[in-house]
Amino acid sequence: MKLSTKKISIIFIISGFLLFSLSGTISALSKKYKITTEKANIYLEPSDSSPVIEVLDKDTVLMSASPRKFRKVWNYVYFKTEDSGKTKAGYVNDDSIIKITTTTNVITIQTQK
């Protein structure tokens, strides 16, 4: 089966679009946050008037679920519940968290002559 140049071009365009659209999601999942307040409310929607779905303790680690903030101060995050250990998602305000930065240690190995 021989593919025409037009079909190959369409396949590359679709592949590029999928790769581009997934790159934001992949980078979002690599961001981690830690709760800095004694208790942090996790909301169903990005609003203080939204129902609270979970209250998490200080130093709980959260994973980013979105590469962008909502309404400038709300982060969509994943977290594990203490009761069942299941992963849930919700919104947390910037005032309750800090971003955890990770560093990579580089080790140089040299051979002896």
PDB file of N, CA and C in Angstrom:
ATOM      1  N   MET A   1       0.837  -1.174   0.000  1.00  0.00           N
ATOM      2  CA  MET A   1       0.000   0.000   0.000  1.00  0.00           C
ATOM      3  C   MET A   1       0.881   1.236   0.000  1.00  0.00           C
ATOM      4  N   LYS A   2       0.668   2.089  -0.947  1.00  0.00           N
ATOM      5  CA  LYS A   2       1.486   3.280  -1.082  1.00  0.00           C
ATOM      6  C   LYS A   2       0.694   4.491  -0.604  1.00  0.00           C
ATOM      7  N   LEU A   3       1.320   5.281   0.285  1.00  0.00           N
ATOM      8  CA  LEU A   3       0.662   6.481   0.796  1.00  0.00           C
ATOM      9  C   LEU A   3       1.061   7.675  -0.053  1.00  0.00           C
ATOM     10  N   SER A   4       0.095   8.519  -0.318  1.00  0.00           N
ATOM     11  CA  SER A   4       0.388   9.726  -1.086  1.00  0.00           C
ATOM     12  C   SER A   4       1.039  10.765  -0.175  1.00  0.00           C
ATOM     13  N   THR A   5       1.668  11.742  -0.787  1.00  0.00           N
ATOM     14  CA  THR A   5       2.326  12.814  -0.048  1.00  0.00           C
ATOM     15  C   THR A   5       1.318  13.582   0.794  1.00  0.00           C
ATOM     16  N   LYS A   6       0.117  13.747   0.285  1.00  0.00           N
ATOM     17  CA  LYS A   6      -0.932  14.473   1.005  1.00  0.00           C
ATOM     18  C   LYS A   6      -1.325  13.720   2.279  1.00  0.00           C
ATOM     19  N   LYS A   7      -1.469  12.396   2.182  1.00  0.00           N
ATOM     20  CA  LYS A   7      -1.834  11.604   3.355  1.00  0.00           C
ATOM     21  C   LYS A   7      -0.720  11.618   4.395  1.00  0.00           C
ATOM     22  N   ILE A   8       0.513  11.538   3.944  1.00  0.00           N
ATOM     23  CA  ILE A   8       1.657  11.583   4.863  1.00  0.00           C
ATOM     24  C   ILE A   8       1.699  12.927   5.570  1.00  0.00           C
ATOM     25  N   SER A   9       1.458  14.000   4.836  1.00  0.00           N
ATOM     26  CA  SER A   9       1.451  15.342   5.432  1.00  0.00           C
ATOM     27  C   SER A   9       0.366  15.462   6.494  1.00  0.00           C
ATOM     28  N   ILE A  10      -0.799  14.932   6.221  1.00  0.00           N
ATOM     29  CA  ILE A  10      -1.913  14.994   7.181  1.00  0.00           C
ATOM     30  C   ILE A  10      -1.560  14.203   8.440  1.00  0.00           C
ATOM     31  N   ILE A  11      -0.930  13.038   8.258  1.00  0.00           N
ATOM     32  CA  ILE A  11      -0.522  12.224   9.408  1.00  0.00           C
ATOM     33  C   ILE A  11       0.484  12.983  10.271  1.00  0.00           C
ATOM     34  N   PHE A  12       1.464  13.660   9.650  1.00  0.00           N
ATOM     35  CA  PHE A  12       2.446  14.431  10.406  1.00  0.00           C
ATOM     36  C   PHE A  12       1.805  15.613  11.114  1.00  0.00           C
ATOM     37  N   ILE A  13       0.868  16.272  10.492  1.00  0.00           N
ATOM     38  CA  ILE A  13       0.192  17.413  11.113  1.00  0.00           C
ATOM     39  C   ILE A  13      -0.607  16.957  12.333  1.00  0.00           C
ATOM     40  N   ILE A  14      -1.336  15.862  12.177  1.00  0.00           N
ATOM     41  CA  ILE A  14      -2.121  15.340  13.302  1.00  0.00           C
ATOM     42  C   ILE A  14      -1.202  14.887  14.431  1.00  0.00           C
ATOM     43  N   SER A  15      -0.121  14.206  14.093  1.00  0.00           N
ATOM     44  CA  SER A  15       0.836  13.757  15.115  1.00  0.00           C
ATOM     45  C   SER A  15       1.447  14.940  15.851  1.00  0.00           C
ATOM     46  N   GLY A  16       1.814  15.974  15.116  1.00  0.00           N
ATOM     47  CA  GLY A  16       2.387  17.175  15.730  1.00  0.00           C
ATOM     48  C   GLY A  16       1.397  17.861  16.650  1.00  0.00           C
ATOM     49  N   PHE A  17       0.150  17.945  16.212  1.00  0.00           N
ATOM     50  CA  PHE A  17      -0.878  18.564  17.048  1.00  0.00           C
ATOM     51  C   PHE A  17      -1.081  17.783  18.337  1.00  0.00           C
ATOM     52  N   LEU A  18      -1.144  16.456  18.243  1.00  0.00           N
ATOM     53  CA  LEU A  18      -1.316  15.641  19.437  1.00  0.00           C
ATOM     54  C   LEU A  18      -0.138  15.780  20.394  1.00  0.00           C
ATOM     55  N   LEU A  19       1.056  15.774  19.854  1.00  0.00           N
ATOM     56  CA  LEU A  19       2.244  15.941  20.686  1.00  0.00           C
ATOM     57  C   LEU A  19       2.247  17.299  21.369  1.00  0.00           C
ATOM     58  N   PHE A  20       1.899  18.339  20.630  1.00  0.00           N
ATOM     59  CA  PHE A  20       1.855  19.689  21.189  1.00  0.00           C
ATOM     60  C   PHE A  20       0.801  19.805  22.275  1.00  0.00           C
ATOM     61  N   SER A  21      -0.383  19.238  22.044  1.00  0.00           N
ATOM     62  CA  SER A  21      -1.458  19.357  23.023  1.00  0.00           C
ATOM     63  C   SER A  21      -1.170  18.554  24.286  1.00  0.00           C
ATOM     64  N   LEU A  22      -0.461  17.457  24.173  1.00  0.00           N
ATOM     65  CA  LEU A  22      -0.131  16.649  25.343  1.00  0.00           C
ATOM     66  C   LEU A  22       1.042  17.210  26.138  1.00  0.00           C
ATOM     67  N   SER A  23       1.865  18.051  25.523  1.00  0.00           N
ATOM     68  CA  SER A  23       3.044  18.552  26.218  1.00  0.00           C
ATOM     69  C   SER A  23       2.669  19.390  27.427  1.00  0.00           C
ATOM     70  N   GLY A  24       1.577  20.147  27.364  1.00  0.00           N
ATOM     71  CA  GLY A  24       1.125  20.922  28.517  1.00  0.00           C
ATOM     72  C   GLY A  24       0.684  20.031  29.652  1.00  0.00           C
ATOM     73  N   THR A  25      -0.015  18.967  29.331  1.00  0.00           N
ATOM     74  CA  THR A  25      -0.470  18.026  30.346  1.00  0.00           C
ATOM     75  C   THR A  25       0.706  17.328  30.998  1.00  0.00           C
ATOM     76  N   ILE A  26       1.680  16.929  30.217  1.00  0.00           N
ATOM     77  CA  ILE A  26       2.856  16.253  30.761  1.00  0.00           C
ATOM     78  C   ILE A  26       3.638  17.183  31.671  1.00  0.00           C
ATOM     79  N   SER A  27       3.808  18.449  31.263  1.00  0.00           N
ATOM     80  CA  SER A  27       4.542  19.386  32.115  1.00  0.00           C
ATOM     81  C   SER A  27       3.759  19.705  33.373  1.00  0.00           C
ATOM     82  N   ALA A  28       2.426  19.713  33.293  1.00  0.00           N
ATOM     83  CA  ALA A  28       1.616  19.966  34.477  1.00  0.00           C
ATOM     84  C   ALA A  28       1.796  18.860  35.497  1.00  0.00           C
ATOM     85  N   LEU A  29       1.873  17.634  35.045  1.00  0.00           N
ATOM     86  CA  LEU A  29       1.998  16.516  35.962  1.00  0.00           C
ATOM     87  C   LEU A  29       3.341  16.478  36.666  1.00  0.00           C
ATOM     88  N   SER A  30       4.316  17.174  36.146  1.00  0.00           N
ATOM     89  CA  SER A  30       5.622  17.173  36.789  1.00  0.00           C
ATOM     90  C   SER A  30       5.707  18.234  37.884  1.00  0.00           C
ATOM     91  N   LYS A  31       4.723  19.137  37.982  1.00  0.00           N
ATOM     92  CA  LYS A  31       4.726  20.155  39.028  1.00  0.00           C
ATOM     93  C   LYS A  31       4.119  19.586  40.296  1.00  0.00           C
ATOM     94  N   LYS A  32       4.782  19.885  41.400  1.00  0.00           N
ATOM     95  CA  LYS A  32       4.276  19.450  42.693  1.00  0.00           C
ATOM     96  C   LYS A  32       4.140  20.660  43.604  1.00  0.00           C
ATOM     97  N   TYR A  33       3.175  20.593  44.492  1.00  0.00           N
ATOM     98  CA  TYR A  33       2.944  21.645  45.476  1.00  0.00           C
ATOM     99  C   TYR A  33       2.887  21.026  46.860  1.00  0.00           C
ATOM    100  N   LYS A  34       3.178  21.848  47.872  1.00  0.00           N
ATOM    101  CA  LYS A  34       3.078  21.410  49.255  1.00  0.00           C
ATOM    102  C   LYS A  34       2.208  22.411  49.996  1.00  0.00           C
ATOM    103  N   ILE A  35       1.337  21.905  50.831  1.00  0.00           N
ATOM    104  CA  ILE A  35       0.456  22.767  51.613  1.00  0.00           C
ATOM    105  C   ILE A  35       1.260  23.407  52.733  1.00  0.00           C
ATOM    106  N   THR A  36       1.127  24.742  52.878  1.00  0.00           N
ATOM    107  CA  THR A  36       1.899  25.496  53.870  1.00  0.00           C
ATOM    108  C   THR A  36       1.065  25.938  55.067  1.00  0.00           C
ATOM    109  N   THR A  37      -0.252  25.926  54.934  1.00  0.00           N
ATOM    110  CA  THR A  37      -1.120  26.306  56.052  1.00  0.00           C
ATOM    111  C   THR A  37      -1.463  25.061  56.874  1.00  0.00           C
ATOM    112  N   GLU A  38      -1.957  25.267  58.094  1.00  0.00           N
ATOM    113  CA  GLU A  38      -2.292  24.125  58.956  1.00  0.00           C
ATOM    114  C   GLU A  38      -3.329  23.215  58.298  1.00  0.00           C
ATOM    115  N   LYS A  39      -4.319  23.793  57.670  1.00  0.00           N
ATOM    116  CA  LYS A  39      -5.356  23.064  56.945  1.00  0.00           C
ATOM    117  C   LYS A  39      -5.615  23.792  55.638  1.00  0.00           C
ATOM    118  N   ALA A  40      -5.841  23.048  54.561  1.00  0.00           N
ATOM    119  CA  ALA A  40      -6.150  23.651  53.266  1.00  0.00           C
ATOM    120  C   ALA A  40      -7.410  23.007  52.714  1.00  0.00           C
ATOM    121  N   ASN A  41      -8.345  23.848  52.310  1.00  0.00           N
ATOM    122  CA  ASN A  41      -9.572  23.359  51.704  1.00  0.00           C
ATOM    123  C   ASN A  41      -9.350  23.069  50.230  1.00  0.00           C
ATOM    124  N   ILE A  42      -9.848  21.938  49.772  1.00  0.00           N
ATOM    125  CA  ILE A  42      -9.842  21.592  48.356  1.00  0.00           C
ATOM    126  C   ILE A  42     -11.287  21.735  47.880  1.00  0.00           C
ATOM    127  N   TYR A  43     -11.477  22.577  46.869  1.00  0.00           N
ATOM    128  CA  TYR A  43     -12.815  22.916  46.411  1.00  0.00           C
ATOM    129  C   TYR A  43     -13.179  22.165  45.132  1.00  0.00           C
ATOM    130  N   LEU A  44     -14.485  22.002  44.927  1.00  0.00           N
ATOM    131  CA  LEU A  44     -15.001  21.360  43.727  1.00  0.00           C
ATOM    132  C   LEU A  44     -14.805  22.247  42.497  1.00  0.00           C
ATOM    133  N   GLU A  45     -14.982  23.541  42.656  1.00  0.00           N
ATOM    134  CA  GLU A  45     -14.810  24.532  41.593  1.00  0.00           C
ATOM    135  C   GLU A  45     -13.833  25.605  42.070  1.00  0.00           C
ATOM    136  N   PRO A  46     -13.249  26.394  41.164  1.00  0.00           N
ATOM    137  CA  PRO A  46     -12.289  27.428  41.575  1.00  0.00           C
ATOM    138  C   PRO A  46     -12.968  28.663  42.170  1.00  0.00           C
ATOM    139  N   SER A  47     -13.557  28.488  43.353  1.00  0.00           N
ATOM    140  CA  SER A  47     -14.272  29.572  44.018  1.00  0.00           C
ATOM    141  C   SER A  47     -14.396  29.268  45.504  1.00  0.00           C
ATOM    142  N   ASP A  48     -14.304  30.302  46.347  1.00  0.00           N
ATOM    143  CA  ASP A  48     -14.474  30.118  47.790  1.00  0.00           C
ATOM    144  C   ASP A  48     -15.892  29.701  48.152  1.00  0.00           C
ATOM    145  N   SER A  49     -16.851  30.002  47.285  1.00  0.00           N
ATOM    146  CA  SER A  49     -18.245  29.650  47.567  1.00  0.00           C
ATOM    147  C   SER A  49     -18.592  28.231  47.091  1.00  0.00           C
ATOM    148  N   SER A  50     -17.657  27.565  46.456  1.00  0.00           N
ATOM    149  CA  SER A  50     -17.862  26.196  45.973  1.00  0.00           C
ATOM    150  C   SER A  50     -17.800  25.217  47.144  1.00  0.00           C
ATOM    151  N   PRO A  51     -18.431  24.051  47.020  1.00  0.00           N
ATOM    152  CA  PRO A  51     -18.347  23.052  48.101  1.00  0.00           C
ATOM    153  C   PRO A  51     -16.909  22.564  48.320  1.00  0.00           C
ATOM    154  N   VAL A  52     -16.561  22.362  49.584  1.00  0.00           N
ATOM    155  CA  VAL A  52     -15.254  21.818  49.955  1.00  0.00           C
ATOM    156  C   VAL A  52     -15.348  20.304  49.865  1.00  0.00           C
ATOM    157  N   ILE A  53     -14.464  19.694  49.049  1.00  0.00           N
ATOM    158  CA  ILE A  53     -14.514  18.240  48.892  1.00  0.00           C
ATOM    159  C   ILE A  53     -13.537  17.514  49.812  1.00  0.00           C
ATOM    160  N   GLU A  54     -12.541  18.248  50.301  1.00  0.00           N
ATOM    161  CA  GLU A  54     -11.547  17.631  51.195  1.00  0.00           C
ATOM    162  C   GLU A  54     -10.821  18.734  51.958  1.00  0.00           C
ATOM    163  N   VAL A  55     -10.404  18.436  53.173  1.00  0.00           N
ATOM    164  CA  VAL A  55      -9.556  19.334  53.951  1.00  0.00           C
ATOM    165  C   VAL A  55      -8.256  18.582  54.193  1.00  0.00           C
ATOM    166  N   LEU A  56      -7.144  19.145  53.705  1.00  0.00           N
ATOM    167  CA  LEU A  56      -5.849  18.463  53.811  1.00  0.00           C
ATOM    168  C   LEU A  56      -4.948  19.159  54.821  1.00  0.00           C
ATOM    169  N   ASP A  57      -4.074  18.381  55.439  1.00  0.00           N
ATOM    170  CA  ASP A  57      -3.164  18.888  56.466  1.00  0.00           C
ATOM    171  C   ASP A  57      -1.918  19.518  55.860  1.00  0.00           C
ATOM    172  N   LYS A  58      -1.201  20.254  56.701  1.00  0.00           N
ATOM    173  CA  LYS A  58       0.053  20.889  56.322  1.00  0.00           C
ATOM    174  C   LYS A  58       1.054  19.837  55.836  1.00  0.00           C
ATOM    175  N   ASP A  59       1.881  20.209  54.870  1.00  0.00           N
ATOM    176  CA  ASP A  59       2.942  19.388  54.276  1.00  0.00           C
ATOM    177  C   ASP A  59       2.424  18.264  53.377  1.00  0.00           C
ATOM    178  N   THR A  60       1.125  18.242  53.079  1.00  0.00           N
ATOM    179  CA  THR A  60       0.604  17.272  52.119  1.00  0.00           C
ATOM    180  C   THR A  60       1.085  17.673  50.726  1.00  0.00           C
ATOM    181  N   VAL A  61       1.534  16.702  49.947  1.00  0.00           N
ATOM    182  CA  VAL A  61       2.039  16.964  48.595  1.00  0.00           C
ATOM    183  C   VAL A  61       0.902  16.783  47.595  1.00  0.00           C
ATOM    184  N   LEU A  62       0.791  17.751  46.690  1.00  0.00           N
ATOM    185  CA  LEU A  62      -0.232  17.744  45.646  1.00  0.00           C
ATOM    186  C   LEU A  62       0.452  17.737  44.288  1.00  0.00           C
ATOM    187  N   MET A  63      -0.174  17.088  43.319  1.00  0.00           N
ATOM    188  CA  MET A  63       0.333  17.078  41.942  1.00  0.00           C
ATOM    189  C   MET A  63      -0.540  17.996  41.094  1.00  0.00           C
ATOM    190  N   SER A  64       0.081  18.773  40.241  1.00  0.00           N
ATOM    191  CA  SER A  64      -0.674  19.657  39.354  1.00  0.00           C
ATOM    192  C   SER A  64      -1.447  18.831  38.338  1.00  0.00           C
ATOM    193  N   ALA A  65      -2.705  19.210  38.106  1.00  0.00           N
ATOM    194  CA  ALA A  65      -3.543  18.522  37.129  1.00  0.00           C
ATOM    195  C   ALA A  65      -3.775  19.377  35.894  1.00  0.00           C
ATOM    196  N   SER A  66      -3.261  20.600  35.906  1.00  0.00           N
ATOM    197  CA  SER A  66      -3.448  21.505  34.776  1.00  0.00           C
ATOM    198  C   SER A  66      -2.226  22.409  34.644  1.00  0.00           C
ATOM    199  N   PRO A  67      -1.820  22.714  33.416  1.00  0.00           N
ATOM    200  CA  PRO A  67      -0.651  23.575  33.244  1.00  0.00           C
ATOM    201  C   PRO A  67      -0.928  25.056  33.511  1.00  0.00           C
ATOM    202  N   ARG A  68      -2.186  25.422  33.721  1.00  0.00           N
ATOM    203  CA  ARG A  68      -2.508  26.828  33.945  1.00  0.00           C
ATOM    204  C   ARG A  68      -3.339  26.997  35.212  1.00  0.00           C
ATOM    205  N   LYS A  69      -3.367  28.237  35.703  1.00  0.00           N
ATOM    206  CA  LYS A  69      -4.191  28.570  36.855  1.00  0.00           C
ATOM    207  C   LYS A  69      -5.576  28.980  36.377  1.00  0.00           C
ATOM    208  N   PHE A  70      -6.534  28.885  37.269  1.00  0.00           N
ATOM    209  CA  PHE A  70      -7.895  29.287  36.980  1.00  0.00           C
ATOM    210  C   PHE A  70      -8.217  30.505  37.829  1.00  0.00           C
ATOM    211  N   ARG A  71      -8.806  31.505  37.199  1.00  0.00           N
ATOM    212  CA  ARG A  71      -9.156  32.768  37.868  1.00  0.00           C
ATOM    213  C   ARG A  71      -7.957  33.355  38.607  1.00  0.00           C
ATOM    214  N   LYS A  72      -6.786  33.195  38.051  1.00  0.00           N
ATOM    215  CA  LYS A  72      -5.499  33.758  38.486  1.00  0.00           C
ATOM    216  C   LYS A  72      -4.903  33.193  39.773  1.00  0.00           C
ATOM    217  N   VAL A  73      -5.709  32.596  40.660  1.00  0.00           N
ATOM    218  CA  VAL A  73      -5.165  32.140  41.945  1.00  0.00           C
ATOM    219  C   VAL A  73      -5.532  30.702  42.303  1.00  0.00           C
ATOM    220  N   TRP A  74      -6.203  29.989  41.408  1.00  0.00           N
ATOM    221  CA  TRP A  74      -6.653  28.640  41.711  1.00  0.00           C
ATOM    222  C   TRP A  74      -5.876  27.613  40.899  1.00  0.00           C
ATOM    223  N   ASN A  75      -5.355  26.609  41.591  1.00  0.00           N
ATOM    224  CA  ASN A  75      -4.618  25.520  40.957  1.00  0.00           C
ATOM    225  C   ASN A  75      -5.463  24.258  40.998  1.00  0.00           C
ATOM    226  N   TYR A  76      -5.557  23.592  39.846  1.00  0.00           N
ATOM    227  CA  TYR A  76      -6.271  22.324  39.772  1.00  0.00           C
ATOM    228  C   TYR A  76      -5.265  21.226  40.080  1.00  0.00           C
ATOM    229  N   VAL A  77      -5.512  20.454  41.127  1.00  0.00           N
ATOM    230  CA  VAL A  77      -4.516  19.509  41.628  1.00  0.00           C
ATOM    231  C   VAL A  77      -5.111  18.125  41.864  1.00  0.00           C
ATOM    232  N   TYR A  78      -4.229  17.120  41.869  1.00  0.00           N
ATOM    233  CA  TYR A  78      -4.558  15.760  42.279  1.00  0.00           C
ATOM    234  C   TYR A  78      -4.039  15.557  43.692  1.00  0.00           C
ATOM    235  N   PHE A  79      -4.750  14.758  44.461  1.00  0.00           N
ATOM    236  CA  PHE A  79      -4.296  14.415  45.807  1.00  0.00           C
ATOM    237  C   PHE A  79      -4.859  13.058  46.183  1.00  0.00           C
ATOM    238  N   LYS A  80      -4.199  12.392  47.118  1.00  0.00           N
ATOM    239  CA  LYS A  80      -4.682  11.103  47.605  1.00  0.00           C
ATOM    240  C   LYS A  80      -5.434  11.324  48.913  1.00  0.00           C
ATOM    241  N   THR A  81      -6.578  10.666  49.032  1.00  0.00           N
ATOM    242  CA  THR A  81      -7.342  10.776  50.266  1.00  0.00           C
ATOM    243  C   THR A  81      -6.716   9.881  51.328  1.00  0.00           C
ATOM    244  N   GLU A  82      -6.800  10.322  52.565  1.00  0.00           N
ATOM    245  CA  GLU A  82      -6.221   9.533  53.652  1.00  0.00           C
ATOM    246  C   GLU A  82      -7.099   8.336  53.989  1.00  0.00           C
ATOM    247  N   ASP A  83      -8.411   8.479  53.819  1.00  0.00           N
ATOM    248  CA  ASP A  83      -9.333   7.391  54.175  1.00  0.00           C
ATOM    249  C   ASP A  83      -9.166   6.179  53.260  1.00  0.00           C
ATOM    250  N   SER A  84      -9.311   6.408  51.954  1.00  0.00           N
ATOM    251  CA  SER A  84      -9.308   5.277  51.021  1.00  0.00           C
ATOM    252  C   SER A  84      -8.033   5.168  50.189  1.00  0.00           C
ATOM    253  N   GLY A  85      -7.220   6.225  50.165  1.00  0.00           N
ATOM    254  CA  GLY A  85      -6.011   6.211  49.354  1.00  0.00           C
ATOM    255  C   GLY A  85      -6.270   6.439  47.875  1.00  0.00           C
ATOM    256  N   LYS A  86      -7.519   6.778  47.525  1.00  0.00           N
ATOM    257  CA  LYS A  86      -7.856   7.036  46.134  1.00  0.00           C
ATOM    258  C   LYS A  86      -7.394   8.427  45.727  1.00  0.00           C
ATOM    259  N   THR A  87      -7.139   8.590  44.449  1.00  0.00           N
ATOM    260  CA  THR A  87      -6.738   9.888  43.925  1.00  0.00           C
ATOM    261  C   THR A  87      -7.970  10.678  43.535  1.00  0.00           C
ATOM    262  N   LYS A  88      -8.027  11.919  44.011  1.00  0.00           N
ATOM    263  CA  LYS A  88      -9.108  12.844  43.681  1.00  0.00           C
ATOM    264  C   LYS A  88      -8.502  14.106  43.098  1.00  0.00           C
ATOM    265  N   ALA A  89      -9.356  14.943  42.546  1.00  0.00           N
ATOM    266  CA  ALA A  89      -8.906  16.214  41.988  1.00  0.00           C
ATOM    267  C   ALA A  89      -9.802  17.334  42.494  1.00  0.00           C
ATOM    268  N   GLY A  90      -9.210  18.512  42.646  1.00  0.00           N
ATOM    269  CA  GLY A  90      -9.961  19.678  43.090  1.00  0.00           C
ATOM    270  C   GLY A  90      -9.107  20.927  42.952  1.00  0.00           C
ATOM    271  N   TYR A  91      -9.650  22.018  43.420  1.00  0.00           N
ATOM    272  CA  TYR A  91      -8.980  23.313  43.300  1.00  0.00           C
ATOM    273  C   TYR A  91      -8.504  23.785  44.663  1.00  0.00           C
ATOM    274  N   VAL A  92      -7.284  24.335  44.681  1.00  0.00           N
ATOM    275  CA  VAL A  92      -6.714  24.887  45.901  1.00  0.00           C
ATOM    276  C   VAL A  92      -6.206  26.294  45.583  1.00  0.00           C
ATOM    277  N   ASN A  93      -6.358  27.192  46.550  1.00  0.00           N
ATOM    278  CA  ASN A  93      -5.947  28.577  46.370  1.00  0.00           C
ATOM    279  C   ASN A  93      -4.437  28.721  46.561  1.00  0.00           C
ATOM    280  N   ASP A  94      -3.841  29.680  45.842  1.00  0.00           N
ATOM    281  CA  ASP A  94      -2.401  29.949  45.939  1.00  0.00           C
ATOM    282  C   ASP A  94      -1.951  30.262  47.364  1.00  0.00           C
ATOM    283  N   ASP A  95      -2.835  30.838  48.175  1.00  0.00           N
ATOM    284  CA  ASP A  95      -2.467  31.237  49.539  1.00  0.00           C
ATOM    285  C   ASP A  95      -2.105  30.051  50.426  1.00  0.00           C
ATOM    286  N   SER A  96      -2.513  28.851  50.041  1.00  0.00           N
ATOM    287  CA  SER A  96      -2.316  27.674  50.893  1.00  0.00           C
ATOM    288  C   SER A  96      -1.157  26.786  50.481  1.00  0.00           C
ATOM    289  N   ILE A  97      -0.498  27.081  49.360  1.00  0.00           N
ATOM    290  CA  ILE A  97       0.512  26.152  48.828  1.00  0.00           C
ATOM    291  C   ILE A  97       1.776  26.876  48.385  1.00  0.00           C
ATOM    292  N   ILE A  98       2.839  26.094  48.256  1.00  0.00           N
ATOM    293  CA  ILE A  98       4.063  26.558  47.595  1.00  0.00           C
ATOM    294  C   ILE A  98       4.463  25.489  46.580  1.00  0.00           C
ATOM    295  N   LYS A  99       5.154  25.926  45.546  1.00  0.00           N
ATOM    296  CA  LYS A  99       5.637  24.996  44.532  1.00  0.00           C
ATOM    297  C   LYS A  99       6.895  24.319  45.057  1.00  0.00           C
ATOM    298  N   ILE A 100       6.962  23.026  44.881  1.00  0.00           N
ATOM    299  CA  ILE A 100       8.149  22.261  45.271  1.00  0.00           C
ATOM    300  C   ILE A 100       9.065  22.223  44.051  1.00  0.00           C
ATOM    301  N   THR A 101      10.269  22.687  44.225  1.00  0.00           N
ATOM    302  CA  THR A 101      11.230  22.617  43.126  1.00  0.00           C
ATOM    303  C   THR A 101      12.100  21.394  43.315  1.00  0.00           C
ATOM    304  N   THR A 102      12.357  20.723  42.229  1.00  0.00           N
ATOM    305  CA  THR A 102      13.212  19.542  42.285  1.00  0.00           C
ATOM    306  C   THR A 102      14.539  19.867  41.623  1.00  0.00           C
ATOM    307  N   THR A 103      15.571  19.322  42.151  1.00  0.00           N
ATOM    308  CA  THR A 103      16.889  19.512  41.570  1.00  0.00           C
ATOM    309  C   THR A 103      17.437  18.166  41.138  1.00  0.00           C
ATOM    310  N   THR A 104      18.227  18.207  40.116  1.00  0.00           N
ATOM    311  CA  THR A 104      18.847  16.994  39.612  1.00  0.00           C
ATOM    312  C   THR A 104      20.333  17.045  39.926  1.00  0.00           C
ATOM    313  N   ASN A 105      20.832  16.022  40.583  1.00  0.00           N
ATOM    314  CA  ASN A 105      22.262  15.927  40.865  1.00  0.00           C
ATOM    315  C   ASN A 105      22.958  15.285  39.678  1.00  0.00           C
ATOM    316  N   VAL A 106      24.009  15.926  39.212  1.00  0.00           N
ATOM    317  CA  VAL A 106      24.787  15.391  38.108  1.00  0.00           C
ATOM    318  C   VAL A 106      26.085  14.835  38.678  1.00  0.00           C
ATOM    319  N   ILE A 107      26.332  13.584  38.390  1.00  0.00           N
ATOM    320  CA  ILE A 107      27.545  12.925  38.865  1.00  0.00           C
ATOM    321  C   ILE A 107      28.414  12.629  37.643  1.00  0.00           C
ATOM    322  N   THR A 108      29.649  13.100  37.681  1.00  0.00           N
ATOM    323  CA  THR A 108      30.574  12.857  36.590  1.00  0.00           C
ATOM    324  C   THR A 108      31.471  11.682  36.964  1.00  0.00           C
ATOM    325  N   ILE A 109      31.478  10.695  36.102  1.00  0.00           N
ATOM    326  CA  ILE A 109      32.305   9.500  36.329  1.00  0.00           C
ATOM    327  C   ILE A 109      33.473   9.554  35.355  1.00  0.00           C
ATOM    328  N   GLN A 110      34.666   9.480  35.902  1.00  0.00           N
ATOM    329  CA  GLN A 110      35.848   9.495  35.056  1.00  0.00           C
ATOM    330  C   GLN A 110      36.584   8.168  35.164  1.00  0.00           C
ATOM    331  N   THR A 111      37.141   7.758  34.071  1.00  0.00           N
ATOM    332  CA  THR A 111      37.919   6.523  34.092  1.00  0.00           C
ATOM    333  C   THR A 111      39.392   6.853  34.288  1.00  0.00           C
ATOM    334  N   GLN A 112      40.098   5.934  34.923  1.00  0.00           N
ATOM    335  CA  GLN A 112      41.531   6.132  35.111  1.00  0.00           C
ATOM    336  C   GLN A 112      42.271   5.487  33.947  1.00  0.00           C
ATOM    337  N   LYS A 113      43.338   6.143  33.536  1.00  0.00           N
ATOM    338  CA  LYS A 113      44.131   5.632  32.414  1.00  0.00           C
ATOM    339  C   LYS A 113      45.309   4.849  32.914  1.00  0.00           C
TER     340      LYS A 113
END
